[in-house]
Full PDB file with SEQRES, HELIX, SHEET, SSBOND, CRYST1, ORIGX, SCALE, CONECT and MASTER records, all heavy atoms in Angstrom:
SEQRES   1 A   42  LYS VAL ILE ARG GLN TYR ARG LYS GLN GLN ASN LEU THR          
SEQRES   2 A   42  GLN GLU GLN ILE ALA ASN TYR LEU GLY VAL SER ALA PRO          
SEQRES   3 A   42  ALA VAL ASN LYS TRP GLU ASN ASP ASN SER TYR PRO ASP          
SEQRES   4 A   42  ILE THR LEU                                                  
HELIX    1 AA1 VAL A    2  GLN A    9  1                                   8    
HELIX    2 AA2 GLN A   14  LEU A   21  1                                   8    
HELIX    3 AA3 ALA A   25  GLU A   32  1                                   8    
CRYST1    1.000    1.000    1.000  90.00  90.00  90.00 P 1           1          
ORIGX1      1.000000  0.000000  0.000000        0.00000                         
ORIGX2      0.000000  1.000000  0.000000        0.00000                         
ORIGX3      0.000000  0.000000  1.000000        0.00000                         
SCALE1      1.000000  0.000000  0.000000        0.00000                         
SCALE2      0.000000  1.000000  0.000000        0.00000                         
SCALE3      0.000000  0.000000  1.000000        0.00000                         
ATOM      1  N   LYS A   1     105.226 143.525 134.588  1.00  0.00           N  
ATOM      2  CA  LYS A   1     105.619 143.895 133.231  1.00  0.00           C  
ATOM      3  C   LYS A   1     104.706 143.241 132.199  1.00  0.00           C  
ATOM      4  O   LYS A   1     104.332 143.847 131.193  1.00  0.00           O  
ATOM      5  CB  LYS A   1     107.071 143.463 132.995  1.00  0.00           C  
ATOM      6  CG  LYS A   1     107.648 143.937 131.687  1.00  0.00           C  
ATOM      7  CD  LYS A   1     109.121 143.585 131.610  1.00  0.00           C  
ATOM      8  CE  LYS A   1     109.729 144.108 130.319  1.00  0.00           C  
ATOM      9  NZ  LYS A   1     111.170 143.780 130.229  1.00  0.00           N  
ATOM     10  N   VAL A   2     104.327 141.990 132.455  1.00  0.00           N  
ATOM     11  CA  VAL A   2     103.431 141.280 131.542  1.00  0.00           C  
ATOM     12  C   VAL A   2     102.064 141.958 131.508  1.00  0.00           C  
ATOM     13  O   VAL A   2     101.472 142.153 130.437  1.00  0.00           O  
ATOM     14  CB  VAL A   2     103.294 139.797 131.957  1.00  0.00           C  
ATOM     15  CG1 VAL A   2     102.316 139.068 131.029  1.00  0.00           C  
ATOM     16  CG2 VAL A   2     104.646 139.109 131.944  1.00  0.00           C  
ATOM     17  N   ILE A   3     101.548 142.322 132.683  1.00  0.00           N  
ATOM     18  CA  ILE A   3     100.242 142.985 132.754  1.00  0.00           C  
ATOM     19  C   ILE A   3     100.283 144.302 131.965  1.00  0.00           C  
ATOM     20  O   ILE A   3      99.377 144.599 131.182  1.00  0.00           O  
ATOM     21  CB  ILE A   3      99.832 143.245 134.228  1.00  0.00           C  
ATOM     22  CG1 ILE A   3      99.594 141.915 134.947  1.00  0.00           C  
ATOM     23  CG2 ILE A   3      98.573 144.126 134.286  1.00  0.00           C  
ATOM     24  CD1 ILE A   3      99.379 142.063 136.450  1.00  0.00           C  
ATOM     25  N   ARG A   4     101.340 145.090 132.188  1.00  0.00           N  
ATOM     26  CA  ARG A   4     101.453 146.379 131.500  1.00  0.00           C  
ATOM     27  C   ARG A   4     101.515 146.196 129.983  1.00  0.00           C  
ATOM     28  O   ARG A   4     100.843 146.910 129.228  1.00  0.00           O  
ATOM     29  CB  ARG A   4     102.693 147.131 131.971  1.00  0.00           C  
ATOM     30  CG  ARG A   4     102.828 148.514 131.307  1.00  0.00           C  
ATOM     31  CD  ARG A   4     104.009 149.299 131.849  1.00  0.00           C  
ATOM     32  NE  ARG A   4     105.278 148.706 131.479  1.00  0.00           N  
ATOM     33  CZ  ARG A   4     106.143 148.181 132.343  1.00  0.00           C  
ATOM     34  NH1 ARG A   4     105.868 148.161 133.627  1.00  0.00           N  
ATOM     35  NH2 ARG A   4     107.284 147.659 131.925  1.00  0.00           N  
ATOM     36  N   GLN A   5     102.306 145.203 129.537  1.00  0.00           N  
ATOM     37  CA  GLN A   5     102.454 144.978 128.100  1.00  0.00           C  
ATOM     38  C   GLN A   5     101.113 144.624 127.453  1.00  0.00           C  
ATOM     39  O   GLN A   5     100.717 145.221 126.444  1.00  0.00           O  
ATOM     40  CB  GLN A   5     103.451 143.852 127.832  1.00  0.00           C  
ATOM     41  CG  GLN A   5     103.559 143.493 126.353  1.00  0.00           C  
ATOM     42  CD  GLN A   5     104.411 142.281 126.096  1.00  0.00           C  
ATOM     43  OE1 GLN A   5     105.214 141.899 126.947  1.00  0.00           O  
ATOM     44  NE2 GLN A   5     104.250 141.662 124.956  1.00  0.00           N  
ATOM     45  N   TYR A   6     100.412 143.656 128.034  1.00  0.00           N  
ATOM     46  CA  TYR A   6      99.159 143.210 127.429  1.00  0.00           C  
ATOM     47  C   TYR A   6      98.049 144.237 127.579  1.00  0.00           C  
ATOM     48  O   TYR A   6      97.167 144.331 126.718  1.00  0.00           O  
ATOM     49  CB  TYR A   6      98.752 141.852 128.012  1.00  0.00           C  
ATOM     50  CG  TYR A   6      99.483 140.709 127.356  1.00  0.00           C  
ATOM     51  CD1 TYR A   6     100.726 140.293 127.831  1.00  0.00           C  
ATOM     52  CD2 TYR A   6      98.957 140.071 126.240  1.00  0.00           C  
ATOM     53  CE1 TYR A   6     101.417 139.263 127.210  1.00  0.00           C  
ATOM     54  CE2 TYR A   6      99.633 139.044 125.624  1.00  0.00           C  
ATOM     55  CZ  TYR A   6     100.866 138.643 126.104  1.00  0.00           C  
ATOM     56  OH  TYR A   6     101.541 137.632 125.483  1.00  0.00           O  
ATOM     57  N   ARG A   7      98.084 145.006 128.657  1.00  0.00           N  
ATOM     58  CA  ARG A   7      97.079 146.083 128.802  1.00  0.00           C  
ATOM     59  C   ARG A   7      97.252 147.101 127.687  1.00  0.00           C  
ATOM     60  O   ARG A   7      96.277 147.543 127.064  1.00  0.00           O  
ATOM     61  CB  ARG A   7      97.243 146.759 130.168  1.00  0.00           C  
ATOM     62  CG  ARG A   7      96.292 147.951 130.356  1.00  0.00           C  
ATOM     63  CD  ARG A   7      96.408 148.559 131.726  1.00  0.00           C  
ATOM     64  NE  ARG A   7      97.721 149.121 131.996  1.00  0.00           N  
ATOM     65  CZ  ARG A   7      98.138 150.299 131.526  1.00  0.00           C  
ATOM     66  NH1 ARG A   7      97.355 151.033 130.742  1.00  0.00           N  
ATOM     67  NH2 ARG A   7      99.347 150.754 131.822  1.00  0.00           N  
ATOM     68  N   LYS A   8      98.495 147.481 127.403  1.00  0.00           N  
ATOM     69  CA  LYS A   8      98.749 148.454 126.328  1.00  0.00           C  
ATOM     70  C   LYS A   8      98.389 147.884 124.967  1.00  0.00           C  
ATOM     71  O   LYS A   8      97.865 148.594 124.107  1.00  0.00           O  
ATOM     72  CB  LYS A   8     100.218 148.888 126.350  1.00  0.00           C  
ATOM     73  CG  LYS A   8     100.564 149.798 127.520  1.00  0.00           C  
ATOM     74  CD  LYS A   8     101.983 150.327 127.399  1.00  0.00           C  
ATOM     75  CE  LYS A   8     102.287 151.329 128.501  1.00  0.00           C  
ATOM     76  NZ  LYS A   8     103.654 151.900 128.377  1.00  0.00           N  
ATOM     77  N   GLN A   9      98.655 146.597 124.776  1.00  0.00           N  
ATOM     78  CA  GLN A   9      98.312 145.980 123.499  1.00  0.00           C  
ATOM     79  C   GLN A   9      96.806 145.985 123.260  1.00  0.00           C  
ATOM     80  O   GLN A   9      96.347 146.092 122.118  1.00  0.00           O  
ATOM     81  CB  GLN A   9      98.850 144.544 123.450  1.00  0.00           C  
ATOM     82  CG  GLN A   9     100.353 144.460 123.286  1.00  0.00           C  
ATOM     83  CD  GLN A   9     100.857 143.027 123.212  1.00  0.00           C  
ATOM     84  OE1 GLN A   9     100.069 142.088 123.200  1.00  0.00           O  
ATOM     85  NE2 GLN A   9     102.168 142.854 123.177  1.00  0.00           N  
ATOM     86  N   GLN A  10      96.034 145.879 124.337  1.00  0.00           N  
ATOM     87  CA  GLN A  10      94.574 145.892 124.221  1.00  0.00           C  
ATOM     88  C   GLN A  10      94.003 147.306 124.333  1.00  0.00           C  
ATOM     89  O   GLN A  10      92.786 147.482 124.307  1.00  0.00           O  
ATOM     90  CB  GLN A  10      93.956 145.003 125.310  1.00  0.00           C  
ATOM     91  CG  GLN A  10      94.381 143.546 125.248  1.00  0.00           C  
ATOM     92  CD  GLN A  10      94.067 142.901 123.918  1.00  0.00           C  
ATOM     93  OE1 GLN A  10      93.027 143.167 123.320  1.00  0.00           O  
ATOM     94  NE2 GLN A  10      94.973 142.053 123.435  1.00  0.00           N  
ATOM     95  N   ASN A  11      94.898 148.302 124.444  1.00  0.00           N  
ATOM     96  CA  ASN A  11      94.471 149.707 124.566  1.00  0.00           C  
ATOM     97  C   ASN A  11      93.514 149.916 125.736  1.00  0.00           C  
ATOM     98  O   ASN A  11      92.497 150.610 125.615  1.00  0.00           O  
ATOM     99  CB  ASN A  11      93.823 150.189 123.259  1.00  0.00           C  
ATOM    100  CG  ASN A  11      94.822 150.281 122.134  1.00  0.00           C  
ATOM    101  OD1 ASN A  11      95.910 150.815 122.317  1.00  0.00           O  
ATOM    102  ND2 ASN A  11      94.472 149.751 120.977  1.00  0.00           N  
ATOM    103  N   LEU A  12      93.849 149.316 126.863  1.00  0.00           N  
ATOM    104  CA  LEU A  12      93.045 149.458 128.073  1.00  0.00           C  
ATOM    105  C   LEU A  12      93.775 150.335 129.080  1.00  0.00           C  
ATOM    106  O   LEU A  12      95.007 150.335 129.141  1.00  0.00           O  
ATOM    107  CB  LEU A  12      92.781 148.084 128.700  1.00  0.00           C  
ATOM    108  CG  LEU A  12      91.944 147.095 127.867  1.00  0.00           C  
ATOM    109  CD1 LEU A  12      91.982 145.714 128.512  1.00  0.00           C  
ATOM    110  CD2 LEU A  12      90.502 147.590 127.737  1.00  0.00           C  
ATOM    111  N   THR A  13      93.016 151.073 129.878  1.00  0.00           N  
ATOM    112  CA  THR A  13      93.611 151.875 130.947  1.00  0.00           C  
ATOM    113  C   THR A  13      93.652 151.039 132.226  1.00  0.00           C  
ATOM    114  O   THR A  13      92.969 150.004 132.345  1.00  0.00           O  
ATOM    115  CB  THR A  13      92.788 153.145 131.210  1.00  0.00           C  
ATOM    116  OG1 THR A  13      91.487 152.770 131.698  1.00  0.00           O  
ATOM    117  CG2 THR A  13      92.629 153.965 129.929  1.00  0.00           C  
ATOM    118  N   GLN A  14      94.426 151.505 133.183  1.00  0.00           N  
ATOM    119  CA  GLN A  14      94.471 150.812 134.478  1.00  0.00           C  
ATOM    120  C   GLN A  14      93.096 150.840 135.140  1.00  0.00           C  
ATOM    121  O   GLN A  14      92.683 149.877 135.793  1.00  0.00           O  
ATOM    122  CB  GLN A  14      95.511 151.462 135.375  1.00  0.00           C  
ATOM    123  CG  GLN A  14      96.939 151.247 134.916  1.00  0.00           C  
ATOM    124  CD  GLN A  14      97.950 151.893 135.836  1.00  0.00           C  
ATOM    125  OE1 GLN A  14      97.620 152.738 136.657  1.00  0.00           O  
ATOM    126  NE2 GLN A  14      99.226 151.486 135.694  1.00  0.00           N  
ATOM    127  N   GLU A  15      92.380 151.931 134.944  1.00  0.00           N  
ATOM    128  CA  GLU A  15      91.047 152.064 135.539  1.00  0.00           C  
ATOM    129  C   GLU A  15      90.078 151.051 134.933  1.00  0.00           C  
ATOM    130  O   GLU A  15      89.245 150.466 135.655  1.00  0.00           O  
ATOM    131  CB  GLU A  15      90.518 153.483 135.329  1.00  0.00           C  
ATOM    132  CG  GLU A  15      89.209 153.746 136.068  1.00  0.00           C  
ATOM    133  CD  GLU A  15      88.776 155.203 135.975  1.00  0.00           C  
ATOM    134  OE1 GLU A  15      89.482 155.998 135.325  1.00  0.00           O  
ATOM    135  OE2 GLU A  15      87.729 155.536 136.553  1.00  0.00           O  
ATOM    136  N   GLN A  16      90.176 150.820 133.632  1.00  0.00           N  
ATOM    137  CA  GLN A  16      89.300 149.834 132.994  1.00  0.00           C  
ATOM    138  C   GLN A  16      89.576 148.431 133.519  1.00  0.00           C  
ATOM    139  O   GLN A  16      88.653 147.653 133.757  1.00  0.00           O  
ATOM    140  CB  GLN A  16      89.493 149.878 131.475  1.00  0.00           C  
ATOM    141  CG  GLN A  16      88.881 151.114 130.822  1.00  0.00           C  
ATOM    142  CD  GLN A  16      89.239 151.223 129.348  1.00  0.00           C  
ATOM    143  OE1 GLN A  16      90.393 151.033 128.965  1.00  0.00           O  
ATOM    144  NE2 GLN A  16      88.246 151.533 128.519  1.00  0.00           N  
ATOM    145  N   ILE A  17      90.857 148.117 133.687  1.00  0.00           N  
ATOM    146  CA  ILE A  17      91.215 146.821 134.254  1.00  0.00           C  
ATOM    147  C   ILE A  17      90.651 146.707 135.671  1.00  0.00           C  
ATOM    148  O   ILE A  17      90.087 145.679 136.058  1.00  0.00           O  
ATOM    149  CB  ILE A  17      92.752 146.648 134.288  1.00  0.00           C  
ATOM    150  CG1 ILE A  17      93.342 146.649 132.873  1.00  0.00           C  
ATOM    151  CG2 ILE A  17      93.135 145.373 135.042  1.00  0.00           C  
ATOM    152  CD1 ILE A  17      93.038 145.427 132.073  1.00  0.00           C  
ATOM    153  N   ALA A  18      90.815 147.770 136.441  1.00  0.00           N  
ATOM    154  CA  ALA A  18      90.347 147.772 137.832  1.00  0.00           C  
ATOM    155  C   ALA A  18      88.832 147.574 137.910  1.00  0.00           C  
ATOM    156  O   ALA A  18      88.331 146.776 138.730  1.00  0.00           O  
ATOM    157  CB  ALA A  18      90.743 149.089 138.502  1.00  0.00           C  
ATOM    158  N   ASN A  19      88.078 148.280 137.056  1.00  0.00           N  
ATOM    159  CA  ASN A  19      86.615 148.163 137.065  1.00  0.00           C  
ATOM    160  C   ASN A  19      86.171 146.748 136.711  1.00  0.00           C  
ATOM    161  O   ASN A  19      85.212 146.217 137.282  1.00  0.00           O  
ATOM    162  CB  ASN A  19      86.004 149.160 136.083  1.00  0.00           C  
ATOM    163  CG  ASN A  19      86.159 150.598 136.564  1.00  0.00           C  
ATOM    164  OD1 ASN A  19      86.336 150.841 137.756  1.00  0.00           O  
ATOM    165  ND2 ASN A  19      86.101 151.538 135.657  1.00  0.00           N  
ATOM    166  N   TYR A  20      86.863 146.133 135.763  1.00  0.00           N  
ATOM    167  CA  TYR A  20      86.515 144.778 135.336  1.00  0.00           C  
ATOM    168  C   TYR A  20      86.739 143.772 136.464  1.00  0.00           C  
ATOM    169  O   TYR A  20      85.957 142.831 136.647  1.00  0.00           O  
ATOM    170  CB  TYR A  20      87.354 144.402 134.115  1.00  0.00           C  
ATOM    171  CG  TYR A  20      87.094 143.013 133.588  1.00  0.00           C  
ATOM    172  CD1 TYR A  20      86.022 142.753 132.723  1.00  0.00           C  
ATOM    173  CD2 TYR A  20      87.926 141.944 133.941  1.00  0.00           C  
ATOM    174  CE1 TYR A  20      85.790 141.477 132.233  1.00  0.00           C  
ATOM    175  CE2 TYR A  20      87.701 140.669 133.450  1.00  0.00           C  
ATOM    176  CZ  TYR A  20      86.627 140.432 132.595  1.00  0.00           C  
ATOM    177  OH  TYR A  20      86.394 139.171 132.110  1.00  0.00           O  
ATOM    178  N   LEU A  21      87.798 143.985 137.241  1.00  0.00           N  
ATOM    179  CA  LEU A  21      88.171 143.028 138.292  1.00  0.00           C  
ATOM    180  C   LEU A  21      87.580 143.383 139.653  1.00  0.00           C  
ATOM    181  O   LEU A  21      87.670 142.591 140.594  1.00  0.00           O  
ATOM    182  CB  LEU A  21      89.695 142.955 138.412  1.00  0.00           C  
ATOM    183  CG  LEU A  21      90.446 142.448 137.180  1.00  0.00           C  
ATOM    184  CD1 LEU A  21      91.953 142.562 137.404  1.00  0.00           C  
ATOM    185  CD2 LEU A  21      90.072 140.995 136.870  1.00  0.00           C  
ATOM    186  N   GLY A  22      86.991 144.584 139.765  1.00  0.00           N  
ATOM    187  CA  GLY A  22      86.424 144.993 141.045  1.00  0.00           C  
ATOM    188  C   GLY A  22      87.460 145.403 142.060  1.00  0.00           C  
ATOM    189  O   GLY A  22      87.294 145.188 143.268  1.00  0.00           O  
ATOM    190  N   VAL A  23      88.571 145.985 141.565  1.00  0.00           N  
ATOM    191  CA  VAL A  23      89.615 146.494 142.458  1.00  0.00           C  
ATOM    192  C   VAL A  23      89.834 147.964 142.133  1.00  0.00           C  
ATOM    193  O   VAL A  23      89.176 148.531 141.256  1.00  0.00           O  
ATOM    194  CB  VAL A  23      90.945 145.705 142.281  1.00  0.00           C  
ATOM    195  CG1 VAL A  23      90.740 144.247 142.637  1.00  0.00           C  
ATOM    196  CG2 VAL A  23      91.468 145.843 140.858  1.00  0.00           C  
ATOM    197  N   SER A  24      90.758 148.599 142.832  1.00  0.00           N  
ATOM    198  CA  SER A  24      91.015 150.014 142.595  1.00  0.00           C  
ATOM    199  C   SER A  24      92.093 150.194 141.516  1.00  0.00           C  
ATOM    200  O   SER A  24      92.945 149.314 141.311  1.00  0.00           O  
ATOM    201  CB  SER A  24      91.468 150.704 143.879  1.00  0.00           C  
ATOM    202  OG  SER A  24      92.723 150.194 144.286  1.00  0.00           O  
ATOM    203  N   ALA A  25      92.068 151.345 140.855  1.00  0.00           N  
ATOM    204  CA  ALA A  25      93.093 151.658 139.851  1.00  0.00           C  
ATOM    205  C   ALA A  25      94.490 151.698 140.480  1.00  0.00           C  
ATOM    206  O   ALA A  25      95.453 151.218 139.867  1.00  0.00           O  
ATOM    207  CB  ALA A  25      92.758 152.984 139.151  1.00  0.00           C  
ATOM    208  N   PRO A  26      94.645 152.266 141.692  1.00  0.00           N  
ATOM    209  CA  PRO A  26      95.971 152.231 142.327  1.00  0.00           C  
ATOM    210  C   PRO A  26      96.494 150.815 142.546  1.00  0.00           C  
ATOM    211  O   PRO A  26      97.700 150.571 142.502  1.00  0.00           O  
ATOM    212  CB  PRO A  26      95.752 152.957 143.655  1.00  0.00           C  
ATOM    213  CG  PRO A  26      94.616 153.887 143.377  1.00  0.00           C  
ATOM    214  CD  PRO A  26      93.718 153.126 142.453  1.00  0.00           C  
ATOM    215  N   ALA A  27      95.578 149.863 142.760  1.00  0.00           N  
ATOM    216  CA  ALA A  27      96.002 148.473 142.956  1.00  0.00           C  
ATOM    217  C   ALA A  27      96.628 147.933 141.670  1.00  0.00           C  
ATOM    218  O   ALA A  27      97.677 147.268 141.704  1.00  0.00           O  
ATOM    219  CB  ALA A  27      94.813 147.605 143.363  1.00  0.00           C  
ATOM    220  N   VAL A  28      95.995 148.242 140.526  1.00  0.00           N  
ATOM    221  CA  VAL A  28      96.538 147.799 139.239  1.00  0.00           C  
ATOM    222  C   VAL A  28      97.891 148.461 138.999  1.00  0.00           C  
ATOM    223  O   VAL A  28      98.827 147.834 138.498  1.00  0.00           O  
ATOM    224  CB  VAL A  28      95.560 148.124 138.084  1.00  0.00           C  
ATOM    225  CG1 VAL A  28      96.166 147.731 136.732  1.00  0.00           C  
ATOM    226  CG2 VAL A  28      94.224 147.416 138.308  1.00  0.00           C  
ATOM    227  N   ASN A  29      97.974 149.739 139.378  1.00  0.00           N  
ATOM    228  CA  ASN A  29      99.242 150.454 139.221  1.00  0.00           C  
ATOM    229  C   ASN A  29     100.352 149.794 140.033  1.00  0.00           C  
ATOM    230  O   ASN A  29     101.498 149.670 139.576  1.00  0.00           O  
ATOM    231  CB  ASN A  29      99.059 151.913 139.654  1.00  0.00           C  
ATOM    232  CG  ASN A  29     100.321 152.731 139.473  1.00  0.00           C  
ATOM    233  OD1 ASN A  29     101.144 152.853 140.362  1.00  0.00           O  
ATOM    234  ND2 ASN A  29     100.486 153.298 138.281  1.00  0.00           N  
ATOM    235  N   LYS A  30     100.027 149.346 141.236  1.00  0.00           N  
ATOM    236  CA  LYS A  30     101.013 148.670 142.087  1.00  0.00           C  
ATOM    237  C   LYS A  30     101.451 147.347 141.466  1.00  0.00           C  
ATOM    238  O   LYS A  30     102.615 146.975 141.536  1.00  0.00           O  
ATOM    239  CB  LYS A  30     100.433 148.440 143.476  1.00  0.00           C  
ATOM    240  CG  LYS A  30     100.312 149.706 144.326  1.00  0.00           C  
ATOM    241  CD  LYS A  30      99.759 149.392 145.708  1.00  0.00           C  
ATOM    242  CE  LYS A  30      99.655 150.654 146.559  1.00  0.00           C  
ATOM    243  NZ  LYS A  30      99.105 150.352 147.898  1.00  0.00           N  
ATOM    244  N   TRP A  31     100.499 146.628 140.837  1.00  0.00           N  
ATOM    245  CA  TRP A  31     100.866 145.374 140.171  1.00  0.00           C  
ATOM    246  C   TRP A  31     101.902 145.633 139.078  1.00  0.00           C  
ATOM    247  O   TRP A  31     102.904 144.943 138.981  1.00  0.00           O  
ATOM    248  CB  TRP A  31      99.639 144.709 139.534  1.00  0.00           C  
ATOM    249  CG  TRP A  31      98.555 144.319 140.493  1.00  0.00           C  
ATOM    250  CD1 TRP A  31      98.654 144.217 141.855  1.00  0.00           C  
ATOM    251  CD2 TRP A  31      97.205 143.995 140.150  1.00  0.00           C  
ATOM    252  NE1 TRP A  31      97.441 143.845 142.393  1.00  0.00           N  
ATOM    253  CE2 TRP A  31      96.530 143.700 141.365  1.00  0.00           C  
ATOM    254  CE3 TRP A  31      96.499 143.926 138.963  1.00  0.00           C  
ATOM    255  CZ2 TRP A  31      95.184 143.329 141.382  1.00  0.00           C  
ATOM    256  CZ3 TRP A  31      95.160 143.561 138.976  1.00  0.00           C  
ATOM    257  CH2 TRP A  31      94.513 143.267 140.181  1.00  0.00           C  
ATOM    258  N   GLU A  32     101.610 146.646 138.274  1.00  0.00           N  
ATOM    259  CA  GLU A  32     102.471 146.918 137.122  1.00  0.00           C  
ATOM    260  C   GLU A  32     103.847 147.414 137.538  1.00  0.00           C  
ATOM    261  O   GLU A  32     104.811 147.271 136.786  1.00  0.00           O  
ATOM    262  CB  GLU A  32     101.805 147.935 136.189  1.00  0.00           C  
ATOM    263  CG  GLU A  32     100.563 147.385 135.503  1.00  0.00           C  
ATOM    264  CD  GLU A  32     100.043 148.303 134.399  1.00  0.00           C  
ATOM    265  OE1 GLU A  32     100.688 149.345 134.132  1.00  0.00           O  
ATOM    266  OE2 GLU A  32      98.999 147.987 133.800  1.00  0.00           O  
ATOM    267  N   ASN A  33     103.946 147.989 138.708  1.00  0.00           N  
ATOM    268  CA  ASN A  33     105.237 148.473 139.201  1.00  0.00           C  
ATOM    269  C   ASN A  33     105.889 147.499 140.174  1.00  0.00           C  
ATOM    270  O   ASN A  33     106.869 147.847 140.850  1.00  0.00           O  
ATOM    271  CB  ASN A  33     105.056 149.845 139.865  1.00  0.00           C  
ATOM    272  CG  ASN A  33     104.792 150.940 138.855  1.00  0.00           C  
ATOM    273  OD1 ASN A  33     105.676 151.317 138.094  1.00  0.00           O  
ATOM    274  ND2 ASN A  33     103.560 151.450 138.830  1.00  0.00           N  
ATOM    275  N   ASP A  34     105.315 146.295 140.252  1.00  0.00           N  
ATOM    276  CA  ASP A  34     105.864 145.231 141.095  1.00  0.00           C  
ATOM    277  C   ASP A  34     105.920 145.596 142.577  1.00  0.00           C  
ATOM    278  O   ASP A  34     106.766 145.083 143.320  1.00  0.00           O  
ATOM    279  CB  ASP A  34     107.271 144.832 140.610  1.00  0.00           C  
ATOM    280  CG  ASP A  34     107.243 144.155 139.249  1.00  0.00           C  
ATOM    281  OD1 ASP A  34     106.280 143.417 138.981  1.00  0.00           O  
ATOM    282  OD2 ASP A  34     108.175 144.371 138.455  1.00  0.00           O  
ATOM    283  N   ASN A  35     105.005 146.463 142.983  1.00  0.00           N  
ATOM    284  CA  ASN A  35     104.914 146.791 144.411  1.00  0.00           C  
ATOM    285  C   ASN A  35     103.994 145.828 145.155  1.00  0.00           C  
ATOM    286  O   ASN A  35     104.022 145.764 146.393  1.00  0.00           O  
ATOM    287  CB  ASN A  35     104.406 148.227 144.585  1.00  0.00           C  
ATOM    288  CG  ASN A  35     105.422 149.245 144.085  1.00  0.00           C  
ATOM    289  OD1 ASN A  35     106.623 149.050 144.243  1.00  0.00           O  
ATOM    290  ND2 ASN A  35     104.948 150.321 143.466  1.00  0.00           N  
ATOM    291  N   SER A  36     103.150 145.127 144.383  1.00  0.00           N  
ATOM    292  CA  SER A  36     102.291 144.089 144.962  1.00  0.00           C  
ATOM    293  C   SER A  36     101.851 143.176 143.816  1.00  0.00           C  
ATOM    294  O   SER A  36     102.146 143.458 142.644  1.00  0.00           O  
ATOM    295  CB  SER A  36     101.065 144.691 145.663  1.00  0.00           C  
ATOM    296  OG  SER A  36     100.229 145.341 144.713  1.00  0.00           O  
ATOM    297  N   TYR A  37     101.146 142.088 144.163  1.00  0.00           N  
ATOM    298  CA  TYR A  37     100.726 141.127 143.151  1.00  0.00           C  
ATOM    299  C   TYR A  37      99.220 140.913 143.237  1.00  0.00           C  
ATOM    300  O   TYR A  37      98.628 141.013 144.317  1.00  0.00           O  
ATOM    301  CB  TYR A  37     101.439 139.791 143.345  1.00  0.00           C  
ATOM    302  CG  TYR A  37     102.937 139.895 143.230  1.00  0.00           C  
ATOM    303  CD1 TYR A  37     103.747 139.903 144.368  1.00  0.00           C  
ATOM    304  CD2 TYR A  37     103.548 139.993 141.979  1.00  0.00           C  
ATOM    305  CE1 TYR A  37     105.130 140.006 144.260  1.00  0.00           C  
ATOM    306  CE2 TYR A  37     104.921 140.097 141.855  1.00  0.00           C  
ATOM    307  CZ  TYR A  37     105.707 140.108 142.996  1.00  0.00           C  
ATOM    308  OH  TYR A  37     107.063 140.221 142.876  1.00  0.00           O  
ATOM    309  N   PRO A  38      98.587 140.609 142.105  1.00  0.00           N  
ATOM    310  CA  PRO A  38      97.147 140.335 142.155  1.00  0.00           C  
ATOM    311  C   PRO A  38      96.856 139.055 142.911  1.00  0.00           C  
ATOM    312  O   PRO A  38      97.666 138.119 142.906  1.00  0.00           O  
ATOM    313  CB  PRO A  38      96.766 140.196 140.669  1.00  0.00           C  
ATOM    314  CG  PRO A  38      98.038 139.865 139.965  1.00  0.00           C  
ATOM    315  CD  PRO A  38      99.123 140.546 140.730  1.00  0.00           C  
ATOM    316  N   ASP A  39      95.698 139.007 143.549  1.00  0.00           N  
ATOM    317  CA  ASP A  39      95.278 137.791 144.242  1.00  0.00           C  
ATOM    318  C   ASP A  39      95.167 136.657 143.232  1.00  0.00           C  
ATOM    319  O   ASP A  39      94.796 136.871 142.077  1.00  0.00           O  
ATOM    320  CB  ASP A  39      93.921 138.029 144.921  1.00  0.00           C  
ATOM    321  CG  ASP A  39      93.524 136.874 145.815  1.00  0.00           C  
ATOM    322  OD1 ASP A  39      92.965 135.899 145.269  1.00  0.00           O  
ATOM    323  OD2 ASP A  39      93.779 136.936 147.022  1.00  0.00           O  
ATOM    324  N   ILE A  40      95.486 135.438 143.663  1.00  0.00           N  
ATOM    325  CA  ILE A  40      95.489 134.299 142.751  1.00  0.00           C  
ATOM    326  C   ILE A  40      94.121 134.073 142.106  1.00  0.00           C  
ATOM    327  O   ILE A  40      94.019 133.613 140.965  1.00  0.00           O  
ATOM    328  CB  ILE A  40      95.969 133.027 143.491  1.00  0.00           C  
ATOM    329  CG1 ILE A  40      96.261 131.912 142.474  1.00  0.00           C  
ATOM    330  CG2 ILE A  40      94.945 132.583 144.536  1.00  0.00           C  
ATOM    331  CD1 ILE A  40      96.961 130.716 143.079  1.00  0.00           C  
ATOM    332  N   THR A  41      93.040 134.448 142.827  1.00  0.00           N  
ATOM    333  CA  THR A  41      91.693 134.258 142.279  1.00  0.00           C  
ATOM    334  C   THR A  41      91.407 135.237 141.136  1.00  0.00           C  
ATOM    335  O   THR A  41      90.460 135.040 140.370  1.00  0.00           O  
ATOM    336  CB  THR A  41      90.625 134.445 143.376  1.00  0.00           C  
ATOM    337  OG1 THR A  41      90.740 135.777 143.922  1.00  0.00           O  
ATOM    338  CG2 THR A  41      90.799 133.415 144.480  1.00  0.00           C  
ATOM    339  N   LEU A  42      92.211 136.297 141.038  1.00  0.00           N  
ATOM    340  CA  LEU A  42      92.002 137.294 139.981  1.00  0.00           C  
ATOM    341  C   LEU A  42      92.750 136.951 138.694  1.00  0.00           C  
ATOM    342  O   LEU A  42      92.521 137.593 137.659  1.00  0.00           O  
ATOM    343  CB  LEU A  42      92.462 138.675 140.473  1.00  0.00           C  
ATOM    344  CG  LEU A  42      91.689 139.291 141.629  1.00  0.00           C  
ATOM    345  CD1 LEU A  42      92.318 140.616 142.031  1.00  0.00           C  
ATOM    346  CD2 LEU A  42      90.227 139.496 141.245  1.00  0.00           C  
TER     347      LEU A  42                                                      
MASTER        0    0    0    3    0    0    0    6  346    1    0    4          
END                                                                             
């Protein structure tokens, strides 16, 4: 929920977040829906 809130505040898409971190857009989507969590190094 925190990731989704701040991403929207910065007007970023899930794909932009994914490209910046070197992960897939579906991975970011899973984070935001609490289906998985980002690696601690990220």
